[in-house]
N, C-alpha and C. Protein backbone atom coordinates (compact mmCIF):
# COMPACT_ATOMS: atom_id res chain seq x y z
N UNK A 1 0.81 -1.19 0.00
CA UNK A 1 0.00 0.00 0.00
C UNK A 1 0.86 1.27 0.00
N UNK A 2 1.96 1.25 0.76
CA UNK A 2 2.83 2.41 0.82
C UNK A 2 3.48 2.68 -0.53
N UNK A 3 3.83 1.61 -1.27
CA UNK A 3 4.45 1.79 -2.58
C UNK A 3 3.47 2.44 -3.56
N UNK A 4 2.22 2.05 -3.51
CA UNK A 4 1.21 2.62 -4.39
C UNK A 4 1.02 4.11 -4.07
N UNK A 5 0.95 4.41 -2.79
CA UNK A 5 0.80 5.81 -2.39
C UNK A 5 2.00 6.64 -2.83
N UNK A 6 3.18 6.09 -2.64
CA UNK A 6 4.40 6.79 -3.04
C UNK A 6 4.41 7.01 -4.55
N UNK A 7 4.03 6.01 -5.31
CA UNK A 7 3.98 6.12 -6.77
C UNK A 7 3.04 7.24 -7.21
N UNK A 8 1.82 7.26 -6.66
CA UNK A 8 0.87 8.28 -7.04
C UNK A 8 1.30 9.67 -6.55
N UNK A 9 1.99 9.74 -5.45
CA UNK A 9 2.51 11.02 -4.98
C UNK A 9 3.54 11.57 -5.96
N UNK A 10 4.40 10.71 -6.45
CA UNK A 10 5.42 11.12 -7.41
C UNK A 10 4.76 11.54 -8.72
N UNK A 11 3.79 10.78 -9.19
CA UNK A 11 3.09 11.12 -10.42
C UNK A 11 2.37 12.46 -10.26
N UNK A 12 1.72 12.65 -9.14
CA UNK A 12 1.02 13.91 -8.88
C UNK A 12 1.99 15.09 -8.91
N UNK A 13 3.12 14.97 -8.25
CA UNK A 13 4.11 16.04 -8.23
C UNK A 13 4.67 16.31 -9.63
N UNK A 14 4.86 15.27 -10.42
CA UNK A 14 5.34 15.43 -11.78
C UNK A 14 4.33 16.21 -12.63
N UNK A 15 3.07 15.87 -12.49
CA UNK A 15 2.02 16.55 -13.25
C UNK A 15 1.95 18.02 -12.86
N UNK A 16 2.01 18.31 -11.58
CA UNK A 16 1.98 19.70 -11.10
C UNK A 16 3.19 20.47 -11.64
N UNK A 17 4.37 19.87 -11.59
CA UNK A 17 5.58 20.54 -12.08
C UNK A 17 5.46 20.81 -13.58
N UNK A 18 4.93 19.85 -14.32
CA UNK A 18 4.76 20.02 -15.77
C UNK A 18 3.79 21.17 -16.06
N UNK A 19 2.68 21.20 -15.35
CA UNK A 19 1.68 22.24 -15.57
C UNK A 19 2.25 23.62 -15.23
N UNK A 20 3.00 23.72 -14.17
CA UNK A 20 3.61 25.00 -13.81
C UNK A 20 4.61 25.44 -14.86
N UNK A 21 5.36 24.51 -15.41
CA UNK A 21 6.31 24.83 -16.47
C UNK A 21 5.61 25.35 -17.71
N UNK A 22 4.53 24.73 -18.09
CA UNK A 22 3.76 25.17 -19.26
C UNK A 22 3.18 26.56 -19.02
N UNK A 23 2.62 26.77 -17.85
CA UNK A 23 2.04 28.08 -17.54
C UNK A 23 3.12 29.15 -17.52
N UNK A 24 4.28 28.81 -17.00
CA UNK A 24 5.37 29.79 -16.96
C UNK A 24 5.79 30.17 -18.37
N UNK A 25 5.90 29.18 -19.26
CA UNK A 25 6.30 29.46 -20.64
C UNK A 25 5.30 30.37 -21.32
N UNK A 26 4.02 30.13 -21.12
CA UNK A 26 2.99 30.96 -21.74
C UNK A 26 3.05 32.38 -21.20
N UNK A 27 3.23 32.53 -19.90
CA UNK A 27 3.30 33.86 -19.31
C UNK A 27 4.57 34.58 -19.73
N UNK A 28 5.65 33.85 -19.92
CA UNK A 28 6.90 34.46 -20.34
C UNK A 28 6.74 35.08 -21.73
N UNK A 29 6.14 34.35 -22.64
CA UNK A 29 5.92 34.86 -23.99
C UNK A 29 5.01 36.08 -23.95
N UNK A 30 3.94 35.99 -23.19
CA UNK A 30 3.01 37.10 -23.07
C UNK A 30 3.71 38.33 -22.51
N UNK A 31 4.54 38.15 -21.50
CA UNK A 31 5.27 39.27 -20.90
C UNK A 31 6.22 39.92 -21.90
N UNK A 32 6.89 39.11 -22.70
CA UNK A 32 7.80 39.65 -23.72
C UNK A 32 7.03 40.49 -24.72
N UNK A 33 5.92 39.97 -25.21
CA UNK A 33 5.14 40.68 -26.22
C UNK A 33 4.49 41.95 -25.66
N UNK A 34 4.06 41.91 -24.42
CA UNK A 34 3.52 43.12 -23.78
C UNK A 34 4.64 44.15 -23.62
N UNK A 35 5.84 43.66 -23.30
CA UNK A 35 7.00 44.56 -23.20
C UNK A 35 7.34 45.22 -24.52
N UNK A 36 6.98 44.58 -25.62
CA UNK A 36 7.20 45.15 -26.95
C UNK A 36 6.09 46.11 -27.36
N UNK A 37 5.07 46.24 -26.51
CA UNK A 37 4.02 47.21 -26.77
C UNK A 37 2.69 46.65 -27.23
N UNK A 38 2.57 45.35 -27.34
CA UNK A 38 1.30 44.75 -27.75
C UNK A 38 0.35 44.70 -26.57
N UNK A 39 -0.94 44.79 -26.85
CA UNK A 39 -1.98 44.73 -25.83
C UNK A 39 -2.41 43.28 -25.61
N UNK A 40 -2.78 42.96 -24.38
CA UNK A 40 -3.19 41.60 -24.04
C UNK A 40 -4.36 41.13 -24.91
N UNK A 41 -5.25 42.04 -25.24
CA UNK A 41 -6.42 41.69 -26.05
C UNK A 41 -6.01 41.14 -27.42
N UNK A 42 -5.01 41.74 -28.05
CA UNK A 42 -4.58 41.28 -29.37
C UNK A 42 -3.68 40.05 -29.31
N UNK A 43 -3.20 39.71 -28.12
CA UNK A 43 -2.30 38.56 -27.97
C UNK A 43 -3.04 37.23 -27.81
N UNK A 44 -4.25 37.26 -27.29
CA UNK A 44 -4.96 36.02 -26.98
C UNK A 44 -5.03 35.05 -28.16
N UNK A 45 -5.46 35.47 -29.34
CA UNK A 45 -5.53 34.51 -30.45
C UNK A 45 -4.15 34.05 -30.92
N UNK A 46 -3.16 34.91 -30.78
CA UNK A 46 -1.80 34.56 -31.21
C UNK A 46 -1.18 33.54 -30.26
N UNK A 47 -1.34 33.75 -28.97
CA UNK A 47 -0.74 32.85 -27.99
C UNK A 47 -1.28 31.42 -28.14
N UNK A 48 -2.51 31.30 -28.57
CA UNK A 48 -3.10 29.97 -28.75
C UNK A 48 -2.47 29.22 -29.93
N UNK A 49 -1.88 29.95 -30.87
CA UNK A 49 -1.33 29.33 -32.07
C UNK A 49 0.17 29.04 -31.99
N UNK A 50 0.85 29.61 -31.02
CA UNK A 50 2.31 29.47 -30.92
C UNK A 50 2.66 28.13 -30.28
N UNK A 51 3.65 27.47 -30.85
CA UNK A 51 4.13 26.18 -30.36
C UNK A 51 4.97 26.40 -29.10
N UNK A 52 4.44 26.01 -27.95
CA UNK A 52 5.12 26.24 -26.68
C UNK A 52 6.27 25.27 -26.43
N UNK A 53 6.46 24.30 -27.32
CA UNK A 53 7.60 23.40 -27.14
C UNK A 53 8.88 24.02 -27.67
N UNK A 54 8.76 25.13 -28.41
CA UNK A 54 9.93 25.84 -28.92
C UNK A 54 10.59 26.62 -27.80
N UNK A 55 11.89 26.92 -27.95
CA UNK A 55 12.52 27.83 -26.99
C UNK A 55 11.85 29.20 -27.08
N UNK A 56 12.01 30.02 -26.06
CA UNK A 56 11.31 31.31 -26.01
C UNK A 56 11.64 32.17 -27.23
N UNK A 57 12.86 32.08 -27.73
CA UNK A 57 13.23 32.87 -28.91
C UNK A 57 12.38 32.49 -30.11
N UNK A 58 12.18 31.20 -30.31
CA UNK A 58 11.35 30.71 -31.41
C UNK A 58 9.90 31.08 -31.23
N UNK A 59 9.43 31.04 -30.00
CA UNK A 59 8.05 31.42 -29.71
C UNK A 59 7.82 32.89 -30.04
N UNK A 60 8.76 33.74 -29.66
CA UNK A 60 8.63 35.17 -29.94
C UNK A 60 8.64 35.41 -31.45
N UNK A 61 9.53 34.74 -32.14
CA UNK A 61 9.62 34.89 -33.59
C UNK A 61 8.30 34.49 -34.26
N UNK A 62 7.76 33.35 -33.86
CA UNK A 62 6.48 32.88 -34.44
C UNK A 62 5.34 33.83 -34.08
N UNK A 63 5.31 34.30 -32.85
CA UNK A 63 4.23 35.20 -32.43
C UNK A 63 4.30 36.51 -33.22
N UNK A 64 5.51 37.03 -33.42
CA UNK A 64 5.64 38.28 -34.17
C UNK A 64 5.21 38.11 -35.63
N UNK A 65 5.52 36.94 -36.20
CA UNK A 65 5.06 36.67 -37.58
C UNK A 65 3.53 36.69 -37.65
N UNK A 66 2.89 36.08 -36.65
CA UNK A 66 1.43 36.05 -36.62
C UNK A 66 0.84 37.44 -36.38
N UNK A 67 1.48 38.22 -35.55
CA UNK A 67 0.98 39.55 -35.23
C UNK A 67 1.13 40.51 -36.41
N UNK A 68 2.12 40.29 -37.25
CA UNK A 68 2.38 41.20 -38.36
C UNK A 68 1.57 40.86 -39.61
N UNK A 69 0.76 39.84 -39.55
CA UNK A 69 -0.09 39.47 -40.71
C UNK A 69 -1.20 40.46 -40.90
């Protein structure tokens, strides 16, 4: 029973860490674009289309391409 509890505790912590990492990446991109002068309202549709698996530099490049269309 203890092994099962320990396993699920580790899985739970991994999921939480992953979710926090994803949220941080999304907020980082948003912060960069707001720093460049874009409004949050115009960023919402763009942020949904950007590949968050890219490094932040790639995300910014893709977001700027979408914003300049």
